[in-house]
C-alpha atoms as a PDB file:
ATOM      1  CA  MET A   1     122.492-144.100-165.895  1.00  0.00           C
ATOM      2  CA  THR A   2     125.565-142.094-165.553  1.00  0.00           C
ATOM      3  CA  GLY A   3     127.157-140.398-162.400  1.00  0.00           C
ATOM      4  CA  ASP A   4     127.117-136.872-163.707  1.00  0.00           C
ATOM      5  CA  LEU A   5     125.303-134.322-161.683  1.00  0.00           C
ATOM      6  CA  PRO A   6     122.365-132.625-163.352  1.00  0.00           C
ATOM      7  CA  PRO A   7     123.271-128.994-164.344  1.00  0.00           C
ATOM      8  CA  ARG A   8     122.194-126.255-162.027  1.00  0.00           C
ATOM      9  CA  ARG A   9     119.506-123.913-163.125  1.00  0.00           C
ATOM     10  CA  PRO A  10     120.782-120.322-163.718  1.00  0.00           C
ATOM     11  CA  GLY A  11     117.581-118.706-162.377  1.00  0.00           C
ATOM     12  CA  ALA A  12     117.969-120.187-158.841  1.00  0.00           C
ATOM     13  CA  VAL A  13     121.539-118.929-158.540  1.00  0.00           C
ATOM     14  CA  ARG A  14     120.472-115.428-159.612  1.00  0.00           C
ATOM     15  CA  THR A  15     117.673-115.384-157.020  1.00  0.00           C
ATOM     16  CA  ARG A  16     119.894-116.254-154.107  1.00  0.00           C
ATOM     17  CA  LEU A  17     122.438-113.690-155.225  1.00  0.00           C
ATOM     18  CA  LEU A  18     119.799-111.007-155.324  1.00  0.00           C
ATOM     19  CA  SER A  19     118.575-112.007-151.883  1.00  0.00           C
ATOM     20  CA  VAL A  20     121.988-111.531-150.383  1.00  0.00           C
ATOM     21  CA  ILE A  21     122.463-108.241-152.158  1.00  0.00           C
ATOM     22  CA  GLY A  22     119.119-107.074-150.984  1.00  0.00           C
ATOM     23  CA  VAL A  23     119.820-107.967-147.346  1.00  0.00           C
ATOM     24  CA  VAL A  24     123.124-106.189-147.525  1.00  0.00           C
ATOM     25  CA  GLY A  25     121.610-103.173-149.121  1.00  0.00           C
ATOM     26  CA  VAL A  26     118.802-102.932-146.609  1.00  0.00           C
ATOM     27  CA  GLY A  27     121.410-103.206-143.716  1.00  0.00           C
ATOM     28  CA  ALA A  28     123.400-100.403-145.363  1.00  0.00           C
ATOM     29  CA  VAL A  29     120.332 -98.278-145.792  1.00  0.00           C
ATOM     30  CA  VAL A  30     119.273 -98.858-142.251  1.00  0.00           C
ATOM     31  CA  GLY A  31     122.774 -98.112-140.920  1.00  0.00           C
ATOM     32  CA  SER A  32     122.969 -94.957-143.036  1.00  0.00           C
ATOM     33  CA  LEU A  33     119.486 -93.844-141.736  1.00  0.00           C
ATOM     34  CA  LEU A  34     120.612 -94.443-138.046  1.00  0.00           C
ATOM     35  CA  LEU A  35     123.892 -92.567-138.541  1.00  0.00           C
ATOM     36  CA  TRP A  36     122.009 -89.659-140.278  1.00  0.00           C
ATOM     37  CA  HIS A  37     119.489 -89.588-137.410  1.00  0.00           C
ATOM     38  CA  ALA A  38     122.225 -89.427-134.802  1.00  0.00           C
ATOM     39  CA  GLN A  39     123.963 -86.560-136.524  1.00  0.00           C
ATOM     40  CA  VAL A  40     120.691 -84.601-137.098  1.00  0.00           C
ATOM     41  CA  GLY A  41     119.841 -85.257-133.333  1.00  0.00           C
ATOM     42  CA  ASP A  42     123.218 -83.846-132.178  1.00  0.00           C
ATOM     43  CA  PHE A  43     122.754 -80.820-134.445  1.00  0.00           C
ATOM     44  CA  LEU A  44     119.263 -80.062-133.184  1.00  0.00           C
ATOM     45  CA  GLY A  45     120.130 -80.904-129.399  1.00  0.00           C
ATOM     46  CA  LEU A  46     117.664 -83.686-129.375  1.00  0.00           C
ATOM     47  CA  ALA A  47     120.107 -86.296-128.260  1.00  0.00           C
ATOM     48  CA  ALA A  48     119.773 -87.387-124.707  1.00  0.00           C
ATOM     49  CA  ASP A  49     122.294 -86.000-122.369  1.00  0.00           C
ATOM     50  CA  LYS A  50     124.925 -88.432-121.185  1.00  0.00           C
ATOM     51  CA  GLU A  51     125.436 -86.522-117.876  1.00  0.00           C
ATOM     52  CA  PRO A  52     122.865 -85.003-115.465  1.00  0.00           C
ATOM     53  CA  VAL A  53     122.520 -81.324-115.787  1.00  0.00           C
ATOM     54  CA  VAL A  54     123.319 -79.551-112.445  1.00  0.00           C
ATOM     55  CA  SER A  55     121.605 -76.142-111.659  1.00  0.00           C
ATOM     56  CA  THR A  56     124.221 -73.340-111.695  1.00  0.00           C
ATOM     57  CA  VAL A  57     121.995 -70.995-109.642  1.00  0.00           C
ATOM     58  CA  SER A  58     123.931 -69.617-106.680  1.00  0.00           C
ATOM     59  CA  ALA A  59     126.822 -71.847-107.573  1.00  0.00           C
ATOM     60  CA  PRO A  60     130.235 -70.020-107.576  1.00  0.00           C
ATOM     61  CA  ALA A  61     132.043 -69.644-110.880  1.00  0.00           C
ATOM     62  CA  VAL A  62     134.618 -72.179-111.511  1.00  0.00           C
ATOM     63  CA  GLY A  63     138.082 -70.827-110.639  1.00  0.00           C
ATOM     64  CA  ALA A  64     136.760 -67.642-108.960  1.00  0.00           C
ATOM     65  CA  PRO A  65     139.114 -66.300-106.290  1.00  0.00           C
ATOM     66  CA  PRO A  66     137.922 -66.614-102.655  1.00  0.00           C
ATOM     67  CA  ALA A  67     136.286 -63.622-101.015  1.00  0.00           C
ATOM     68  CA  THR A  68     138.780 -61.451 -99.162  1.00  0.00           C
ATOM     69  CA  THR A  69     136.323 -59.857 -96.711  1.00  0.00           C
ATOM     70  CA  PRO A  70     135.107 -62.259 -94.094  1.00  0.00           C
ATOM     71  CA  ALA A  71     131.409 -62.507 -93.575  1.00  0.00           C
ATOM     72  CA  ALA A  72     130.122 -60.442 -90.724  1.00  0.00           C
ATOM     73  CA  SER A  73     129.403 -62.541 -87.743  1.00  0.00           C
ATOM     74  CA  THR A  74     127.125 -61.698 -84.819  1.00  0.00           C
ATOM     75  CA  PRO A  75     129.293 -60.832 -81.848  1.00  0.00           C
ATOM     76  CA  THR A  76     128.725 -63.146 -78.958  1.00  0.00           C
ATOM     77  CA  PRO A  77     128.401 -61.192 -75.658  1.00  0.00           C
ATOM     78  CA  THR A  78     131.136 -62.129 -73.250  1.00  0.00           C
ATOM     79  CA  ARG A  79     129.877 -63.169 -69.932  1.00  0.00           C
ATOM     80  CA  ARG A  80     131.672 -62.184 -66.797  1.00  0.00           C
ATOM     81  CA  PRO A  81     132.908 -65.259 -64.862  1.00  0.00           C
ATOM     82  CA  THR A  82     130.788 -65.681 -61.791  1.00  0.00           C
ATOM     83  CA  TYR A  83     132.499 -66.591 -58.687  1.00  0.00           C
ATOM     84  CA  PRO A  84     131.180 -68.323 -55.540  1.00  0.00           C
ATOM     85  CA  PRO A  85     130.317 -65.897 -52.784  1.00  0.00           C
ATOM     86  CA  SER A  86     133.303 -65.327 -50.566  1.00  0.00           C
ATOM     87  CA  THR A  87     132.981 -66.937 -47.147  1.00  0.00           C
ATOM     88  CA  ARG A  88     135.635 -64.616 -45.776  1.00  0.00           C
ATOM     89  CA  PRO A  89     134.008 -61.945 -43.598  1.00  0.00           C
ATOM     90  CA  SER A  90     134.547 -58.315 -44.443  1.00  0.00           C
ATOM     91  CA  THR A  91     135.508 -57.472 -40.948  1.00  0.00           C
ATOM     92  CA  PRO A  92     137.417 -60.049 -38.892  1.00  0.00           C
ATOM     93  CA  PRO A  93     135.619 -60.933 -35.713  1.00  0.00           C
ATOM     94  CA  LYS A  94     137.204 -59.415 -32.607  1.00  0.00           C
ATOM     95  CA  THR A  95     138.950 -61.920 -30.464  1.00  0.00           C
ATOM     96  CA  PRO A  96     138.201 -61.491 -26.852  1.00  0.00           C
ATOM     97  CA  SER A  97     141.340 -60.350 -24.943  1.00  0.00           C
ATOM     98  CA  THR A  98     142.674 -62.923 -22.534  1.00  0.00           C
ATOM     99  CA  THR A  99     144.538 -60.116 -20.702  1.00  0.00           C
ATOM    100  CA  PRO A 100     142.484 -59.097 -17.702  1.00  0.00           C
ATOM    101  CA  THR A 101     141.637 -55.491 -17.677  1.00  0.00           C
ATOM    102  CA  LYS A 102     142.449 -53.315 -14.702  1.00  0.00           C
ATOM    103  CA  GLN A 103     139.361 -52.544 -12.591  1.00  0.00           C
ATOM    104  CA  LYS A 104     138.439 -48.924 -12.813  1.00  0.00           C
ATOM    105  CA  THR A 105     138.903 -47.011  -9.618  1.00  0.00           C
ATOM    106  CA  THR A 106     135.899 -44.843 -10.428  1.00  0.00           C
ATOM    107  CA  GLU A 107     132.393 -45.885 -10.676  1.00  0.00           C
ATOM    108  CA  GLN A 108     129.048 -44.204 -11.456  1.00  0.00           C
ATOM    109  CA  THR A 109     126.455 -43.836  -8.781  1.00  0.00           C
ATOM    110  CA  THR A 110     122.923 -45.038  -9.081  1.00  0.00           C
ATOM    111  CA  SER A 111     122.020 -41.740 -10.627  1.00  0.00           C
ATOM    112  CA  GLY A 112     124.677 -42.092 -13.267  1.00  0.00           C
ATOM    113  CA  VAL A 113     127.001 -39.317 -11.996  1.00  0.00           C
ATOM    114  CA  ARG A 114     130.668 -40.062 -12.051  1.00  0.00           C
ATOM    115  CA  GLU A 115     132.604 -40.178  -8.813  1.00  0.00           C
ATOM    116  CA  GLU A 116     134.962 -37.432  -9.854  1.00  0.00           C
ATOM    117  CA  SER A 117     132.125 -34.957 -10.460  1.00  0.00           C
ATOM    118  CA  ILE A 118     130.689 -32.517  -7.933  1.00  0.00           C
ATOM    119  CA  ASN A 119     127.194 -32.974  -9.506  1.00  0.00           C
ATOM    120  CA  GLY A 120     126.383 -35.850  -7.214  1.00  0.00           C
ATOM    121  CA  LEU A 121     126.992 -33.869  -4.074  1.00  0.00           C
ATOM    122  CA  SER A 122     124.403 -32.347  -1.845  1.00  0.00           C
ATOM    123  CA  PRO A 123     123.355 -28.843  -3.119  1.00  0.00           C
ATOM    124  CA  LYS A 124     124.886 -27.119  -0.058  1.00  0.00           C
ATOM    125  CA  LEU A 125     128.253 -28.777  -0.415  1.00  0.00           C
ATOM    126  CA  LYS A 126     128.277 -28.426  -4.081  1.00  0.00           C
ATOM    127  CA  ALA A 127     127.524 -24.704  -4.095  1.00  0.00           C
ATOM    128  CA  ARG A 128     130.203 -24.003  -1.429  1.00  0.00           C
ATOM    129  CA  LEU A 129     132.798 -26.085  -3.173  1.00  0.00           C
ATOM    130  CA  LYS A 130     132.305 -24.379  -6.486  1.00  0.00           C
ATOM    131  CA  LYS A 131     133.053 -20.987  -4.873  1.00  0.00           C
ATOM    132  CA  ALA A 132     136.156 -22.369  -3.143  1.00  0.00           C
ATOM    133  CA  MET A 133     137.483 -23.905  -6.286  1.00  0.00           C
ATOM    134  CA  ALA A 134     137.064 -20.639  -8.142  1.00  0.00           C
ATOM    135  CA  ALA A 135     138.982 -18.737  -5.398  1.00  0.00           C
ATOM    136  CA  ALA A 136     141.764 -21.366  -5.366  1.00  0.00           C
ATOM    137  CA  ARG A 137     142.030 -21.099  -9.213  1.00  0.00           C
ATOM    138  CA  ALA A 138     142.510 -17.304  -8.754  1.00  0.00           C
ATOM    139  CA  ASP A 139     145.489 -18.041  -6.420  1.00  0.00           C
ATOM    140  CA  GLY A 140     146.910 -20.512  -8.992  1.00  0.00           C
ATOM    141  CA  ILE A 141     145.740 -23.699  -7.222  1.00  0.00           C
ATOM    142  CA  THR A 142     143.716 -26.302  -9.020  1.00  0.00           C
ATOM    143  CA  ILE A 143     141.437 -28.395  -6.716  1.00  0.00           C
ATOM    144  CA  SER A 144     140.843 -31.894  -8.298  1.00  0.00           C
ATOM    145  CA  ILE A 145     138.052 -34.142  -7.148  1.00  0.00           C
ATOM    146  CA  THR A 146     139.285 -37.641  -6.571  1.00  0.00           C
ATOM    147  CA  SER A 147     136.057 -39.027  -4.918  1.00  0.00           C
ATOM    148  CA  ALA A 148     132.799 -37.287  -4.347  1.00  0.00           C
ATOM    149  CA  ARG A 149     129.631 -39.217  -4.122  1.00  0.00           C
ATOM    150  CA  ARG A 150     130.084 -43.045  -4.022  1.00  0.00           C
ATOM    151  CA  SER A 151     127.866 -45.970  -4.495  1.00  0.00           C
ATOM    152  CA  ALA A 152     127.052 -48.204  -1.599  1.00  0.00           C
ATOM    153  CA  THR A 153     128.548 -51.114  -3.500  1.00  0.00           C
ATOM    154  CA  LYS A 154     131.953 -49.379  -3.905  1.00  0.00           C
ATOM    155  CA  GLN A 155     131.889 -48.155  -0.248  1.00  0.00           C
ATOM    156  CA  GLN A 156     131.387 -51.717   0.960  1.00  0.00           C
ATOM    157  CA  ARG A 157     134.144 -52.987  -1.362  1.00  0.00           C
ATOM    158  CA  LEU A 158     136.481 -50.276   0.130  1.00  0.00           C
ATOM    159  CA  LEU A 159     135.561 -51.392   3.716  1.00  0.00           C
ATOM    160  CA  ASN A 160     136.237 -55.008   2.930  1.00  0.00           C
ATOM    161  CA  ALA A 161     139.748 -54.113   1.551  1.00  0.00           C
ATOM    162  CA  ALA A 162     140.459 -51.999   4.612  1.00  0.00           C
ATOM    163  CA  ILE A 163     139.442 -54.882   6.956  1.00  0.00           C
ATOM    164  CA  LYS A 164     141.874 -57.134   4.993  1.00  0.00           C
ATOM    165  CA  LYS A 165     144.551 -54.456   5.152  1.00  0.00           C
ATOM    166  CA  TYR A 166     144.246 -53.491   8.859  1.00  0.00           C
ATOM    167  CA  GLY A 167     143.070 -56.842  10.226  1.00  0.00           C
ATOM    168  CA  SER A 168     139.932 -55.797  11.991  1.00  0.00           C
ATOM    169  CA  TYR A 169     136.643 -54.102  11.449  1.00  0.00           C
ATOM    170  CA  LYS A 170     137.443 -51.554  14.215  1.00  0.00           C
ATOM    171  CA  LEU A 171     140.741 -50.417  12.777  1.00  0.00           C
ATOM    172  CA  ALA A 172     139.309 -50.535   9.193  1.00  0.00           C
ATOM    173  CA  THR A 173     136.362 -48.126  10.143  1.00  0.00           C
ATOM    174  CA  ARG A 174     138.857 -45.487  11.179  1.00  0.00           C
ATOM    175  CA  TRP A 175     139.428 -45.093   7.430  1.00  0.00           C
ATOM    176  CA  VAL A 176     136.403 -46.305   5.757  1.00  0.00           C
ATOM    177  CA  LEU A 177     132.906 -46.237   7.265  1.00  0.00           C
ATOM    178  CA  PRO A 178     130.165 -48.730   6.426  1.00  0.00           C
ATOM    179  CA  PRO A 179     127.869 -47.601   3.561  1.00  0.00           C
ATOM    180  CA  LYS A 180     124.954 -46.624   5.828  1.00  0.00           C
ATOM    181  CA  TYR A 181     127.278 -44.319   7.849  1.00  0.00           C
ATOM    182  CA  SER A 182     129.467 -43.000   5.111  1.00  0.00           C
ATOM    183  CA  ALA A 183     129.062 -39.240   4.213  1.00  0.00           C
ATOM    184  CA  HIS A 184     130.350 -40.072   0.732  1.00  0.00           C
ATOM    185  CA  VAL A 185     127.393 -42.423  -0.026  1.00  0.00           C
ATOM    186  CA  GLN A 186     125.121 -39.521   1.256  1.00  0.00           C
ATOM    187  CA  GLY A 187     126.808 -37.015  -1.092  1.00  0.00           C
ATOM    188  CA  LYS A 188     128.013 -34.926   1.945  1.00  0.00           C
ATOM    189  CA  ALA A 189     131.747 -35.508   1.702  1.00  0.00           C
ATOM    190  CA  VAL A 190     134.480 -34.966  -0.944  1.00  0.00           C
ATOM    191  CA  ASP A 191     138.085 -36.177  -1.308  1.00  0.00           C
ATOM    192  CA  ILE A 192     140.378 -33.736  -3.057  1.00  0.00           C
ATOM    193  CA  GLY A 193     143.973 -33.521  -4.439  1.00  0.00           C
ATOM    194  CA  PRO A 194     146.729 -32.753  -5.059  1.00  0.00           C
ATOM    195  CA  ALA A 195     148.631 -31.865  -1.747  1.00  0.00           C
ATOM    196  CA  ALA A 196     148.760 -28.171  -2.619  1.00  0.00           C
ATOM    197  CA  ALA A 197     144.954 -28.094  -3.049  1.00  0.00           C
ATOM    198  CA  MET A 198     144.558 -29.848   0.320  1.00  0.00           C
ATOM    199  CA  THR A 199     146.775 -27.297   2.117  1.00  0.00           C
ATOM    200  CA  TRP A 200     144.936 -24.315   0.394  1.00  0.00           C
ATOM    201  CA  LEU A 201     141.428 -25.639   1.291  1.00  0.00           C
ATOM    202  CA  ASN A 202     142.439 -26.538   4.799  1.00  0.00           C
ATOM    203  CA  LYS A 203     143.551 -22.928   5.311  1.00  0.00           C
ATOM    204  CA  ASN A 204     140.817 -21.055   3.421  1.00  0.00           C
ATOM    205  CA  GLY A 205     137.871 -23.461   3.363  1.00  0.00           C
ATOM    206  CA  TRP A 206     136.163 -21.843   6.453  1.00  0.00           C
ATOM    207  CA  ARG A 207     135.513 -18.785   4.277  1.00  0.00           C
ATOM    208  CA  TYR A 208     133.173 -20.859   2.093  1.00  0.00           C
ATOM    209  CA  GLY A 209     131.901 -23.141   4.905  1.00  0.00           C
ATOM    210  CA  VAL A 210     134.053 -26.166   3.792  1.00  0.00           C
ATOM    211  CA  CYS A 211     136.170 -27.859   6.531  1.00  0.00           C
ATOM    212  CA  ARG A 212     138.553 -30.700   6.891  1.00  0.00           C
ATOM    213  CA  ARG A 213     137.019 -33.257   9.341  1.00  0.00           C
ATOM    214  CA  TYR A 214     139.726 -35.846  10.337  1.00  0.00           C
ATOM    215  CA  ASP A 215     143.297 -35.605  11.262  1.00  0.00           C
ATOM    216  CA  ASN A 216     144.243 -38.859   9.473  1.00  0.00           C
ATOM    217  CA  GLU A 217     142.582 -37.775   6.215  1.00  0.00           C
ATOM    218  CA  PRO A 218     144.022 -34.452   4.821  1.00  0.00           C
ATOM    219  CA  TRP A 219     142.017 -34.987   1.672  1.00  0.00           C
ATOM    220  CA  HIS A 220     138.525 -35.347   3.205  1.00  0.00           C
ATOM    221  CA  PHE A 221     136.342 -32.258   3.500  1.00  0.00           C
ATOM    222  CA  GLU A 222     132.696 -31.624   4.404  1.00  0.00           C
ATOM    223  CA  ALA A 223     130.298 -28.656   4.826  1.00  0.00           C
ATOM    224  CA  LEU A 224     130.624 -28.416   8.618  1.00  0.00           C
ATOM    225  CA  THR A 225     130.158 -24.696   9.323  1.00  0.00           C
ATOM    226  CA  ALA A 226     128.478 -21.584   7.889  1.00  0.00           C
ATOM    227  CA  PRO A 227     130.583 -19.527   5.376  1.00  0.00           C
ATOM    228  CA  GLY A 228     132.908 -17.182   7.193  1.00  0.00           C
ATOM    229  CA  THR A 229     132.666 -19.070  10.425  1.00  0.00           C
ATOM    230  CA  LYS A 230     135.546 -20.886  12.117  1.00  0.00           C
ATOM    231  CA  CYS A 231     135.630 -24.629  11.472  1.00  0.00           C
ATOM    232  CA  PRO A 232     134.961 -27.084  14.366  1.00  0.00           C
ATOM    233  CA  PRO A 233     137.899 -28.957  15.850  1.00  0.00           C
ATOM    234  CA  ARG A 234     139.044 -31.911  13.762  1.00  0.00           C
ATOM    235  CA  GLU A 235     138.416 -35.467  14.792  1.00  0.00           C
ATOM    236  CA  PRO A 236     141.294 -37.910  15.137  1.00  0.00           C
ATOM    237  CA  HIS A 237     139.617 -40.420  12.738  1.00  0.00           C
ATOM    238  CA  ALA A 238     136.240 -41.702  11.768  1.00  0.00           C
ATOM    239  CA  VAL A 239     134.303 -43.834  14.238  1.00  0.00           C
ATOM    240  CA  ALA A 240     131.682 -46.301  13.197  1.00  0.00           C
ATOM    241  CA  LYS A 241     128.425 -45.949  15.192  1.00  0.00           C
ATOM    242  CA  ALA A 242     127.180 -48.810  17.154  1.00  0.00           C
ATOM    243  CA  ASP A 243     124.090 -50.505  15.743  1.00  0.00           C
END
């Protein structure tokens, strides 16, 4: 035996070569078909989208300028600021005065008539005094009433002041009688002023039945006589009656 290799068969080589060519050919055909399929799909729009499609409905155009007119907005009603109720009073309270007020020298009687009015006098003295005042006015004299009818309270207060002034009840009653004896409290006496009126009425009062009663009180008059009749003699001063 020799070491030479046996000769290869030509048929086997040819078969292998054809197999390789066949595989290559099939791959080329398959590749060509795939490429042709992709191109045809692109042409017909059958290829799958690579990016998701977004709806353009109501979407603004790309690059469109912004709107120049602002959208109308519903106006919000402005509310007035509310403030807490003021604690300050509209009218400041009146502060009571610490200054004592002077006591009025005139008072009203129990019937509500002021002391300077002749309305509280007895009908007889009132009627006579009105005629005398009218006659004095015709002569240019004004008769002013300083004290007509007094309340018993005021008469007592005047008596107390007179007792303090003159030092005794007896001396005080020459000027101020107790309420139960006072002609002023009864509406039967009147004090007048000024001095000219006193002088005129002292001189002409008898014509109207009005007379001055006391020497020490030129302002004190009462209806002591009938009109046109001479007045009775004057008394030096008042005298309190004994109880």
